[in-house]
Amino acid sequence: MTTITPTGRPLYTAFAIANLNPLVMANVVCTARDASGTVIQNALTIPGLKPLGHYAGYLSGPLTGRRGTLDCNADTLVSAIAFAPHRRRGLFDAALLILPD
C-alpha cells in the first residue's frame, strides 16, 4: 500500500493469476525485485492453482510502498495481471503476463 500525500488515502496494487490448464495444477514461483534490482525476500507466495483455478490479492507486506518488478515462473500455462494506481491521474495502469508451458 502507498498513500496519496495530500489526502492520506491508501493506494493498493492488485495482482491476479489464473491457471489456464484444465488438467493439471499450476505451481507458480514469483521473485520480487526493488527498483535497483535487489530481491525482496518473502514478498509474494502464490498457492498451488487447481486446474482452471485462480488467485487474486493485493501486493502488501514487504512490497508496501515499493516500486520494482515481479518475475514469475510456472510449470504450466498461466495468465497474470497487475493493476497499480497512477499517482497523477488516479487511474490504473495494467500489466498483463502470459507464461507459456
PDB file of N, CA and C in Angstrom:
ATOM      1  N   MET A   1       0.829  -1.160   0.000  1.00  0.00           N
ATOM      2  CA  MET A   1       0.000   0.000   0.000  1.00  0.00           C
ATOM      3  C   MET A   1       0.881   1.234   0.000  1.00  0.00           C
ATOM      4  N   THR A   2       0.487   2.219  -0.762  1.00  0.00           N
ATOM      5  CA  THR A   2       1.117   3.525  -0.807  1.00  0.00           C
ATOM      6  C   THR A   2       0.025   4.530  -0.487  1.00  0.00           C
ATOM      7  N   THR A   3       0.380   5.675   0.041  1.00  0.00           N
ATOM      8  CA  THR A   3      -0.651   6.671   0.328  1.00  0.00           C
ATOM      9  C   THR A   3      -0.492   7.893  -0.559  1.00  0.00           C
ATOM     10  N   ILE A   4      -1.626   8.505  -0.875  1.00  0.00           N
ATOM     11  CA  ILE A   4      -1.631   9.756  -1.619  1.00  0.00           C
ATOM     12  C   ILE A   4      -1.292  10.846  -0.621  1.00  0.00           C
ATOM     13  N   THR A   5      -0.240  11.596  -0.846  1.00  0.00           N
ATOM     14  CA  THR A   5       0.241  12.575   0.124  1.00  0.00           C
ATOM     15  C   THR A   5      -0.799  13.614   0.529  1.00  0.00           C
ATOM     16  N   PRO A   6      -1.461  14.305  -0.410  1.00  0.00           N
ATOM     17  CA  PRO A   6      -2.383  15.356   0.022  1.00  0.00           C
ATOM     18  C   PRO A   6      -3.552  14.851   0.856  1.00  0.00           C
ATOM     19  N   THR A   7      -4.068  13.673   0.574  1.00  0.00           N
ATOM     20  CA  THR A   7      -5.270  13.195   1.260  1.00  0.00           C
ATOM     21  C   THR A   7      -5.000  12.100   2.276  1.00  0.00           C
ATOM     22  N   GLY A   8      -3.855  11.427   2.179  1.00  0.00           N
ATOM     23  CA  GLY A   8      -3.562  10.315   3.074  1.00  0.00           C
ATOM     24  C   GLY A   8      -4.325   9.046   2.721  1.00  0.00           C
ATOM     25  N   ARG A   9      -5.035   9.053   1.592  1.00  0.00           N
ATOM     26  CA  ARG A   9      -5.794   7.879   1.173  1.00  0.00           C
ATOM     27  C   ARG A   9      -4.848   6.796   0.652  1.00  0.00           C
ATOM     28  N   PRO A  10      -5.152   5.530   0.945  1.00  0.00           N
ATOM     29  CA  PRO A  10      -4.272   4.445   0.509  1.00  0.00           C
ATOM     30  C   PRO A  10      -4.454   4.093  -0.966  1.00  0.00           C
ATOM     31  N   LEU A  11      -3.366   3.656  -1.586  1.00  0.00           N
ATOM     32  CA  LEU A  11      -3.373   3.114  -2.936  1.00  0.00           C
ATOM     33  C   LEU A  11      -2.872   1.683  -2.844  1.00  0.00           C
ATOM     34  N   TYR A  12      -3.550   0.782  -3.491  1.00  0.00           N
ATOM     35  CA  TYR A  12      -3.167  -0.620  -3.460  1.00  0.00           C
ATOM     36  C   TYR A  12      -2.846  -1.103  -4.868  1.00  0.00           C
ATOM     37  N   THR A  13      -1.949  -2.066  -4.973  1.00  0.00           N
ATOM     38  CA  THR A  13      -1.679  -2.739  -6.234  1.00  0.00           C
ATOM     39  C   THR A  13      -2.321  -4.118  -6.153  1.00  0.00           C
ATOM     40  N   ALA A  14      -3.181  -4.426  -7.117  1.00  0.00           N
ATOM     41  CA  ALA A  14      -3.865  -5.718  -7.153  1.00  0.00           C
ATOM     42  C   ALA A  14      -3.139  -6.653  -8.114  1.00  0.00           C
ATOM     43  N   PHE A  15      -3.139  -7.941  -7.787  1.00  0.00           N
ATOM     44  CA  PHE A  15      -2.464  -8.949  -8.593  1.00  0.00           C
ATOM     45  C   PHE A  15      -3.384 -10.165  -8.699  1.00  0.00           C
ATOM     46  N   ALA A  16      -3.523 -10.697  -9.905  1.00  0.00           N
ATOM     47  CA  ALA A  16      -4.336 -11.904 -10.099  1.00  0.00           C
ATOM     48  C   ALA A  16      -3.633 -12.822 -11.080  1.00  0.00           C
ATOM     49  N   ILE A  17      -3.811 -14.127 -10.871  1.00  0.00           N
ATOM     50  CA  ILE A  17      -3.200 -15.117 -11.755  1.00  0.00           C
ATOM     51  C   ILE A  17      -4.172 -16.290 -11.900  1.00  0.00           C
ATOM     52  N   ALA A  18      -4.248 -16.833 -13.116  1.00  0.00           N
ATOM     53  CA  ALA A  18      -5.162 -17.943 -13.390  1.00  0.00           C
ATOM     54  C   ALA A  18      -4.420 -19.087 -14.070  1.00  0.00           C
ATOM     55  N   ASN A  19      -4.790 -20.298 -13.699  1.00  0.00           N
ATOM     56  CA  ASN A  19      -4.258 -21.498 -14.331  1.00  0.00           C
ATOM     57  C   ASN A  19      -5.133 -21.779 -15.551  1.00  0.00           C
ATOM     58  N   LEU A  20      -4.568 -21.735 -16.737  1.00  0.00           N
ATOM     59  CA  LEU A  20      -5.313 -21.960 -17.966  1.00  0.00           C
ATOM     60  C   LEU A  20      -5.353 -23.430 -18.376  1.00  0.00           C
ATOM     61  N   ASN A  21      -4.701 -24.285 -17.608  1.00  0.00           N
ATOM     62  CA  ASN A  21      -4.656 -25.707 -17.929  1.00  0.00           C
ATOM     63  C   ASN A  21      -5.836 -26.417 -17.248  1.00  0.00           C
ATOM     64  N   PRO A  22      -6.698 -27.091 -18.020  1.00  0.00           N
ATOM     65  CA  PRO A  22      -7.851 -27.775 -17.432  1.00  0.00           C
ATOM     66  C   PRO A  22      -7.522 -29.135 -16.809  1.00  0.00           C
ATOM     67  N   LEU A  23      -6.267 -29.580 -16.926  1.00  0.00           N
ATOM     68  CA  LEU A  23      -5.927 -30.929 -16.483  1.00  0.00           C
ATOM     69  C   LEU A  23      -5.018 -31.006 -15.264  1.00  0.00           C
ATOM     70  N   VAL A  24      -4.101 -30.065 -15.100  1.00  0.00           N
ATOM     71  CA  VAL A  24      -3.122 -30.181 -14.012  1.00  0.00           C
ATOM     72  C   VAL A  24      -3.046 -28.907 -13.172  1.00  0.00           C
ATOM     73  N   MET A  25      -2.574 -29.097 -11.959  1.00  0.00           N
ATOM     74  CA  MET A  25      -2.343 -27.998 -11.035  1.00  0.00           C
ATOM     75  C   MET A  25      -1.161 -27.161 -11.520  1.00  0.00           C
ATOM     76  N   ALA A  26      -1.222 -25.854 -11.299  1.00  0.00           N
ATOM     77  CA  ALA A  26      -0.119 -24.960 -11.663  1.00  0.00           C
ATOM     78  C   ALA A  26       0.647 -24.564 -10.404  1.00  0.00           C
ATOM     79  N   ASN A  27       1.964 -24.680 -10.483  1.00  0.00           N
ATOM     80  CA  ASN A  27       2.840 -24.225  -9.406  1.00  0.00           C
ATOM     81  C   ASN A  27       3.559 -22.984  -9.918  1.00  0.00           C
ATOM     82  N   VAL A  28       3.389 -21.883  -9.207  1.00  0.00           N
ATOM     83  CA  VAL A  28       3.920 -20.589  -9.638  1.00  0.00           C
ATOM     84  C   VAL A  28       4.878 -20.075  -8.571  1.00  0.00           C
ATOM     85  N   VAL A  29       6.043 -19.628  -9.012  1.00  0.00           N
ATOM     86  CA  VAL A  29       7.030 -19.027  -8.119  1.00  0.00           C
ATOM     87  C   VAL A  29       7.325 -17.629  -8.650  1.00  0.00           C
ATOM     88  N   CYS A  30       7.161 -16.624  -7.785  1.00  0.00           N
ATOM     89  CA  CYS A  30       7.423 -15.231  -8.177  1.00  0.00           C
ATOM     90  C   CYS A  30       8.560 -14.661  -7.346  1.00  0.00           C
ATOM     91  N   THR A  31       9.433 -13.915  -8.011  1.00  0.00           N
ATOM     92  CA  THR A  31      10.515 -13.202  -7.339  1.00  0.00           C
ATOM     93  C   THR A  31      10.270 -11.714  -7.513  1.00  0.00           C
ATOM     94  N   ALA A  32      10.220 -10.996  -6.396  1.00  0.00           N
ATOM     95  CA  ALA A  32      10.042  -9.546  -6.434  1.00  0.00           C
ATOM     96  C   ALA A  32      11.407  -8.879  -6.322  1.00  0.00           C
ATOM     97  N   ARG A  33      11.591  -7.821  -7.110  1.00  0.00           N
ATOM     98  CA  ARG A  33      12.829  -7.037  -7.062  1.00  0.00           C
ATOM     99  C   ARG A  33      12.462  -5.574  -6.905  1.00  0.00           C
ATOM    100  N   ASP A  34      13.262  -4.843  -6.139  1.00  0.00           N
ATOM    101  CA  ASP A  34      13.008  -3.412  -5.990  1.00  0.00           C
ATOM    102  C   ASP A  34      13.530  -2.671  -7.222  1.00  0.00           C
ATOM    103  N   ALA A  35      13.407  -1.352  -7.207  1.00  0.00           N
ATOM    104  CA  ALA A  35      13.781  -0.548  -8.371  1.00  0.00           C
ATOM    105  C   ALA A  35      15.257  -0.691  -8.748  1.00  0.00           C
ATOM    106  N   SER A  36      16.110  -1.074  -7.802  1.00  0.00           N
ATOM    107  CA  SER A  36      17.531  -1.242  -8.101  1.00  0.00           C
ATOM    108  C   SER A  36      17.869  -2.685  -8.505  1.00  0.00           C
ATOM    109  N   GLY A  37      16.866  -3.571  -8.511  1.00  0.00           N
ATOM    110  CA  GLY A  37      17.086  -4.954  -8.917  1.00  0.00           C
ATOM    111  C   GLY A  37      17.378  -5.911  -7.779  1.00  0.00           C
ATOM    112  N   THR A  38      17.360  -5.422  -6.549  1.00  0.00           N
ATOM    113  CA  THR A  38      17.628  -6.274  -5.388  1.00  0.00           C
ATOM    114  C   THR A  38      16.394  -7.114  -5.062  1.00  0.00           C
ATOM    115  N   VAL A  39      16.597  -8.415  -4.835  1.00  0.00           N
ATOM    116  CA  VAL A  39      15.495  -9.317  -4.500  1.00  0.00           C
ATOM    117  C   VAL A  39      14.886  -8.925  -3.159  1.00  0.00           C
ATOM    118  N   ILE A  40      13.553  -8.883  -3.118  1.00  0.00           N
ATOM    119  CA  ILE A  40      12.807  -8.624  -1.879  1.00  0.00           C
ATOM    120  C   ILE A  40      12.370  -9.995  -1.359  1.00  0.00           C
ATOM    121  N   GLN A  41      12.983 -10.437  -0.280  1.00  0.00           N
ATOM    122  CA  GLN A  41      12.729 -11.770   0.266  1.00  0.00           C
ATOM    123  C   GLN A  41      11.292 -11.919   0.771  1.00  0.00           C
ATOM    124  N   ASN A  42      10.710 -13.087   0.556  1.00  0.00           N
ATOM    125  CA  ASN A  42       9.375 -13.439   1.065  1.00  0.00           C
ATOM    126  C   ASN A  42       8.299 -12.432   0.687  1.00  0.00           C
ATOM    127  N   ALA A  43       8.406 -11.863  -0.503  1.00  0.00           N
ATOM    128  CA  ALA A  43       7.485 -10.805  -0.912  1.00  0.00           C
ATOM    129  C   ALA A  43       6.119 -11.329  -1.342  1.00  0.00           C
ATOM    130  N   LEU A  44       6.087 -12.466  -2.013  1.00  0.00           N
ATOM    131  CA  LEU A  44       4.824 -12.953  -2.565  1.00  0.00           C
ATOM    132  C   LEU A  44       4.864 -14.466  -2.662  1.00  0.00           C
ATOM    133  N   THR A  45       3.834 -15.097  -2.123  1.00  0.00           N
ATOM    134  CA  THR A  45       3.689 -16.540  -2.234  1.00  0.00           C
ATOM    135  C   THR A  45       2.377 -16.831  -2.933  1.00  0.00           C
ATOM    136  N   ILE A  46       2.436 -17.578  -4.025  1.00  0.00           N
ATOM    137  CA  ILE A  46       1.244 -17.954  -4.764  1.00  0.00           C
ATOM    138  C   ILE A  46       0.915 -19.399  -4.398  1.00  0.00           C
ATOM    139  N   PRO A  47      -0.303 -19.657  -3.899  1.00  0.00           N
ATOM    140  CA  PRO A  47      -0.645 -21.051  -3.594  1.00  0.00           C
ATOM    141  C   PRO A  47      -0.777 -21.851  -4.881  1.00  0.00           C
ATOM    142  N   GLY A  48      -0.672 -23.170  -4.791  1.00  0.00           N
ATOM    143  CA  GLY A  48      -0.894 -24.022  -5.957  1.00  0.00           C
ATOM    144  C   GLY A  48      -2.276 -23.739  -6.537  1.00  0.00           C
ATOM    145  N   LEU A  49      -2.341 -23.628  -7.859  1.00  0.00           N
ATOM    146  CA  LEU A  49      -3.609 -23.313  -8.522  1.00  0.00           C
ATOM    147  C   LEU A  49      -4.205 -24.582  -9.113  1.00  0.00           C
ATOM    148  N   LYS A  50      -5.400 -24.933  -8.687  1.00  0.00           N
ATOM    149  CA  LYS A  50      -6.088 -26.095  -9.232  1.00  0.00           C
ATOM    150  C   LYS A  50      -6.308 -25.905 -10.730  1.00  0.00           C
ATOM    151  N   PRO A  51      -6.569 -26.990 -11.482  1.00  0.00           N
ATOM    152  CA  PRO A  51      -6.873 -26.828 -12.902  1.00  0.00           C
ATOM    153  C   PRO A  51      -7.985 -25.800 -13.105  1.00  0.00           C
ATOM    154  N   LEU A  52      -7.727 -24.829 -13.961  1.00  0.00           N
ATOM    155  CA  LEU A  52      -8.624 -23.707 -14.238  1.00  0.00           C
ATOM    156  C   LEU A  52      -8.914 -22.852 -13.001  1.00  0.00           C
ATOM    157  N   GLY A  53      -8.066 -22.981 -11.971  1.00  0.00           N
ATOM    158  CA  GLY A  53      -8.231 -22.203 -10.754  1.00  0.00           C
ATOM    159  C   GLY A  53      -7.557 -20.841 -10.862  1.00  0.00           C
ATOM    160  N   HIS A  54      -7.750 -20.009  -9.836  1.00  0.00           N
ATOM    161  CA  HIS A  54      -7.163 -18.668  -9.846  1.00  0.00           C
ATOM    162  C   HIS A  54      -6.822 -18.208  -8.432  1.00  0.00           C
ATOM    163  N   TYR A  55      -6.040 -17.142  -8.377  1.00  0.00           N
ATOM    164  CA  TYR A  55      -5.644 -16.486  -7.131  1.00  0.00           C
ATOM    165  C   TYR A  55      -5.675 -14.985  -7.383  1.00  0.00           C
ATOM    166  N   ALA A  56      -6.152 -14.235  -6.412  1.00  0.00           N
ATOM    167  CA  ALA A  56      -6.144 -12.775  -6.513  1.00  0.00           C
ATOM    168  C   ALA A  56      -5.871 -12.192  -5.139  1.00  0.00           C
ATOM    169  N   GLY A  57      -5.176 -11.069  -5.114  1.00  0.00           N
ATOM    170  CA  GLY A  57      -4.889 -10.417  -3.851  1.00  0.00           C
ATOM    171  C   GLY A  57      -4.220  -9.076  -4.073  1.00  0.00           C
ATOM    172  N   TYR A  58      -3.922  -8.412  -2.973  1.00  0.00           N
ATOM    173  CA  TYR A  58      -3.202  -7.145  -3.006  1.00  0.00           C
ATOM    174  C   TYR A  58      -1.742  -7.405  -2.678  1.00  0.00           C
ATOM    175  N   LEU A  59      -0.863  -6.679  -3.344  1.00  0.00           N
ATOM    176  CA  LEU A  59       0.559  -6.775  -3.041  1.00  0.00           C
ATOM    177  C   LEU A  59       0.828  -5.891  -1.836  1.00  0.00           C
ATOM    178  N   SER A  60       1.161  -6.497  -0.714  1.00  0.00           N
ATOM    179  CA  SER A  60       1.391  -5.746   0.519  1.00  0.00           C
ATOM    180  C   SER A  60       2.566  -6.361   1.259  1.00  0.00           C
ATOM    181  N   GLY A  61       2.599  -6.217   2.565  1.00  0.00           N
ATOM    182  CA  GLY A  61       3.701  -6.768   3.350  1.00  0.00           C
ATOM    183  C   GLY A  61       5.023  -6.152   2.936  1.00  0.00           C
ATOM    184  N   PRO A  62       6.010  -6.976   2.555  1.00  0.00           N
ATOM    185  CA  PRO A  62       7.323  -6.454   2.180  1.00  0.00           C
ATOM    186  C   PRO A  62       7.298  -5.555   0.944  1.00  0.00           C
ATOM    187  N   LEU A  63       6.196  -5.590   0.175  1.00  0.00           N
ATOM    188  CA  LEU A  63       6.106  -4.772  -1.037  1.00  0.00           C
ATOM    189  C   LEU A  63       5.443  -3.420  -0.792  1.00  0.00           C
ATOM    190  N   THR A  64       4.976  -3.180   0.402  1.00  0.00           N
ATOM    191  CA  THR A  64       4.271  -1.944   0.709  1.00  0.00           C
ATOM    192  C   THR A  64       5.137  -0.724   0.415  1.00  0.00           C
ATOM    193  N   GLY A  65       4.597   0.153  -0.437  1.00  0.00           N
ATOM    194  CA  GLY A  65       5.270   1.413  -0.751  1.00  0.00           C
ATOM    195  C   GLY A  65       6.504   1.287  -1.625  1.00  0.00           C
ATOM    196  N   ARG A  66       6.738   0.132  -2.219  1.00  0.00           N
ATOM    197  CA  ARG A  66       7.940  -0.073  -3.024  1.00  0.00           C
ATOM    198  C   ARG A  66       7.601  -0.202  -4.498  1.00  0.00           C
ATOM    199  N   ARG A  67       8.561   0.191  -5.335  1.00  0.00           N
ATOM    200  CA  ARG A  67       8.452   0.016  -6.778  1.00  0.00           C
ATOM    201  C   ARG A  67       9.432  -1.053  -7.205  1.00  0.00           C
ATOM    202  N   GLY A  68       9.087  -1.740  -8.293  1.00  0.00           N
ATOM    203  CA  GLY A  68      10.001  -2.768  -8.773  1.00  0.00           C
ATOM    204  C   GLY A  68       9.318  -3.678  -9.761  1.00  0.00           C
ATOM    205  N   THR A  69       9.793  -4.925  -9.824  1.00  0.00           N
ATOM    206  CA  THR A  69       9.260  -5.888 -10.779  1.00  0.00           C
ATOM    207  C   THR A  69       8.938  -7.205 -10.094  1.00  0.00           C
ATOM    208  N   LEU A  70       8.035  -7.959 -10.724  1.00  0.00           N
ATOM    209  CA  LEU A  70       7.758  -9.329 -10.322  1.00  0.00           C
ATOM    210  C   LEU A  70       8.157 -10.226 -11.481  1.00  0.00           C
ATOM    211  N   ASP A  71       8.983 -11.211 -11.220  1.00  0.00           N
ATOM    212  CA  ASP A  71       9.362 -12.213 -12.211  1.00  0.00           C
ATOM    213  C   ASP A  71       8.725 -13.521 -11.763  1.00  0.00           C
ATOM    214  N   CYS A  72       7.786 -14.034 -12.569  1.00  0.00           N
ATOM    215  CA  CYS A  72       7.071 -15.253 -12.192  1.00  0.00           C
ATOM    216  C   CYS A  72       7.337 -16.368 -13.190  1.00  0.00           C
ATOM    217  N   ASN A  73       7.433 -17.584 -12.680  1.00  0.00           N
ATOM    218  CA  ASN A  73       7.597 -18.782 -13.498  1.00  0.00           C
ATOM    219  C   ASN A  73       6.564 -19.807 -13.059  1.00  0.00           C
ATOM    220  N   ALA A  74       6.016 -20.536 -14.043  1.00  0.00           N
ATOM    221  CA  ALA A  74       5.025 -21.566 -13.750  1.00  0.00           C
ATOM    222  C   ALA A  74       5.376 -22.834 -14.512  1.00  0.00           C
ATOM    223  N   ASP A  75       4.857 -23.964 -14.025  1.00  0.00           N
ATOM    224  CA  ASP A  75       5.136 -25.235 -14.686  1.00  0.00           C
ATOM    225  C   ASP A  75       4.050 -25.638 -15.678  1.00  0.00           C
ATOM    226  N   THR A  76       3.094 -24.748 -15.932  1.00  0.00           N
ATOM    227  CA  THR A  76       2.071 -24.938 -16.953  1.00  0.00           C
ATOM    228  C   THR A  76       1.589 -23.563 -17.393  1.00  0.00           C
ATOM    229  N   LEU A  77       0.655 -23.512 -18.316  1.00  0.00           N
ATOM    230  CA  LEU A  77       0.191 -22.247 -18.870  1.00  0.00           C
ATOM    231  C   LEU A  77      -0.663 -21.480 -17.861  1.00  0.00           C
ATOM    232  N   VAL A  78      -0.225 -20.280 -17.518  1.00  0.00           N
ATOM    233  CA  VAL A  78      -0.977 -19.398 -16.628  1.00  0.00           C
ATOM    234  C   VAL A  78      -1.020 -18.002 -17.249  1.00  0.00           C
ATOM    235  N   SER A  79      -1.913 -17.181 -16.740  1.00  0.00           N
ATOM    236  CA  SER A  79      -2.005 -15.795 -17.159  1.00  0.00           C
ATOM    237  C   SER A  79      -2.124 -14.943 -15.909  1.00  0.00           C
ATOM    238  N   ALA A  80      -1.443 -13.795 -15.893  1.00  0.00           N
ATOM    239  CA  ALA A  80      -1.469 -12.932 -14.711  1.00  0.00           C
ATOM    240  C   ALA A  80      -1.657 -11.492 -15.123  1.00  0.00           C
ATOM    241  N   ILE A  81      -2.227 -10.696 -14.217  1.00  0.00           N
ATOM    242  CA  ILE A  81      -2.390  -9.269 -14.461  1.00  0.00           C
ATOM    243  C   ILE A  81      -2.220  -8.535 -13.135  1.00  0.00           C
ATOM    244  N   ALA A  82      -1.648  -7.345 -13.215  1.00  0.00           N
ATOM    245  CA  ALA A  82      -1.498  -6.490 -12.032  1.00  0.00           C
ATOM    246  C   ALA A  82      -2.050  -5.113 -12.375  1.00  0.00           C
ATOM    247  N   PHE A  83      -2.746  -4.521 -11.428  1.00  0.00           N
ATOM    248  CA  PHE A  83      -3.274  -3.170 -11.585  1.00  0.00           C
ATOM    249  C   PHE A  83      -2.660  -2.290 -10.513  1.00  0.00           C
ATOM    250  N   ALA A  84      -2.031  -1.218 -10.934  1.00  0.00           N
ATOM    251  CA  ALA A  84      -1.412  -0.278  -9.992  1.00  0.00           C
ATOM    252  C   ALA A  84      -1.988   1.109 -10.246  1.00  0.00           C
ATOM    253  N   PRO A  85      -2.308   1.841  -9.193  1.00  0.00           N
ATOM    254  CA  PRO A  85      -2.848   3.185  -9.384  1.00  0.00           C
ATOM    255  C   PRO A  85      -1.797   4.125  -9.953  1.00  0.00           C
ATOM    256  N   HIS A  86      -2.236   5.014 -10.794  1.00  0.00           N
ATOM    257  CA  HIS A  86      -1.355   6.041 -11.357  1.00  0.00           C
ATOM    258  C   HIS A  86      -1.510   7.273 -10.486  1.00  0.00           C
ATOM    259  N   ARG A  87      -0.432   7.757  -9.927  1.00  0.00           N
ATOM    260  CA  ARG A  87      -0.498   8.831  -8.940  1.00  0.00           C
ATOM    261  C   ARG A  87      -1.089  10.137  -9.477  1.00  0.00           C
ATOM    262  N   ARG A  88      -0.793  10.500 -10.698  1.00  0.00           N
ATOM    263  CA  ARG A  88      -1.252  11.789 -11.206  1.00  0.00           C
ATOM    264  C   ARG A  88      -2.682  11.758 -11.703  1.00  0.00           C
ATOM    265  N   ARG A  89      -3.063  10.678 -12.364  1.00  0.00           N
ATOM    266  CA  ARG A  89      -4.381  10.631 -12.988  1.00  0.00           C
ATOM    267  C   ARG A  89      -5.436   9.953 -12.130  1.00  0.00           C
ATOM    268  N   GLY A  90      -5.033   9.225 -11.113  1.00  0.00           N
ATOM    269  CA  GLY A  90      -5.997   8.489 -10.313  1.00  0.00           C
ATOM    270  C   GLY A  90      -6.557   7.282 -11.054  1.00  0.00           C
ATOM    271  N   LEU A  91      -5.927   6.921 -12.168  1.00  0.00           N
ATOM    272  CA  LEU A  91      -6.359   5.774 -12.956  1.00  0.00           C
ATOM    273  C   LEU A  91      -5.476   4.585 -12.643  1.00  0.00           C
ATOM    274  N   PHE A  92      -5.757   3.470 -13.283  1.00  0.00           N
ATOM    275  CA  PHE A  92      -4.956   2.280 -13.069  1.00  0.00           C
ATOM    276  C   PHE A  92      -4.122   1.961 -14.289  1.00  0.00           C
ATOM    277  N   ASP A  93      -2.867   1.621 -14.081  1.00  0.00           N
ATOM    278  CA  ASP A  93      -2.005   1.084 -15.121  1.00  0.00           C
ATOM    279  C   ASP A  93      -2.077  -0.434 -14.969  1.00  0.00           C
ATOM    280  N   ALA A  94      -2.097  -1.130 -16.070  1.00  0.00           N
ATOM    281  CA  ALA A  94      -2.194  -2.593 -16.017  1.00  0.00           C
ATOM    282  C   ALA A  94      -1.020  -3.235 -16.726  1.00  0.00           C
ATOM    283  N   ALA A  95      -0.614  -4.365 -16.214  1.00  0.00           N
ATOM    284  CA  ALA A  95       0.419  -5.181 -16.855  1.00  0.00           C
ATOM    285  C   ALA A  95      -0.141  -6.571 -17.015  1.00  0.00           C
ATOM    286  N   LEU A  96      -0.073  -7.108 -18.226  1.00  0.00           N
ATOM    287  CA  LEU A  96      -0.585  -8.440 -18.500  1.00  0.00           C
ATOM    288  C   LEU A  96       0.584  -9.373 -18.787  1.00  0.00           C
ATOM    289  N   LEU A  97       0.542 -10.544 -18.222  1.00  0.00           N
ATOM    290  CA  LEU A  97       1.621 -11.513 -18.368  1.00  0.00           C
ATOM    291  C   LEU A  97       1.025 -12.876 -18.680  1.00  0.00           C
ATOM    292  N   ILE A  98       1.498 -13.512 -19.730  1.00  0.00           N
ATOM    293  CA  ILE A  98       1.088 -14.875 -20.040  1.00  0.00           C
ATOM    294  C   ILE A  98       2.344 -15.735 -20.051  1.00  0.00           C
ATOM    295  N   LEU A  99       2.348 -16.775 -19.249  1.00  0.00           N
ATOM    296  CA  LEU A  99       3.502 -17.648 -19.140  1.00  0.00           C
ATOM    297  C   LEU A  99       3.205 -18.960 -19.834  1.00  0.00           C
ATOM    298  N   PRO A 100       3.840 -19.233 -20.969  1.00  0.00           N
ATOM    299  CA  PRO A 100       3.590 -20.498 -21.660  1.00  0.00           C
ATOM    300  C   PRO A 100       4.277 -21.660 -20.959  1.00  0.00           C
ATOM    301  N   ASP A 101       3.746 -22.858 -21.239  1.00  0.00           N
ATOM    302  CA  ASP A 101       4.379 -24.040 -20.633  1.00  0.00           C
ATOM    303  C   ASP A 101       5.540 -24.494 -21.480  1.00  0.00           C
TER     304      ASP A 101
END
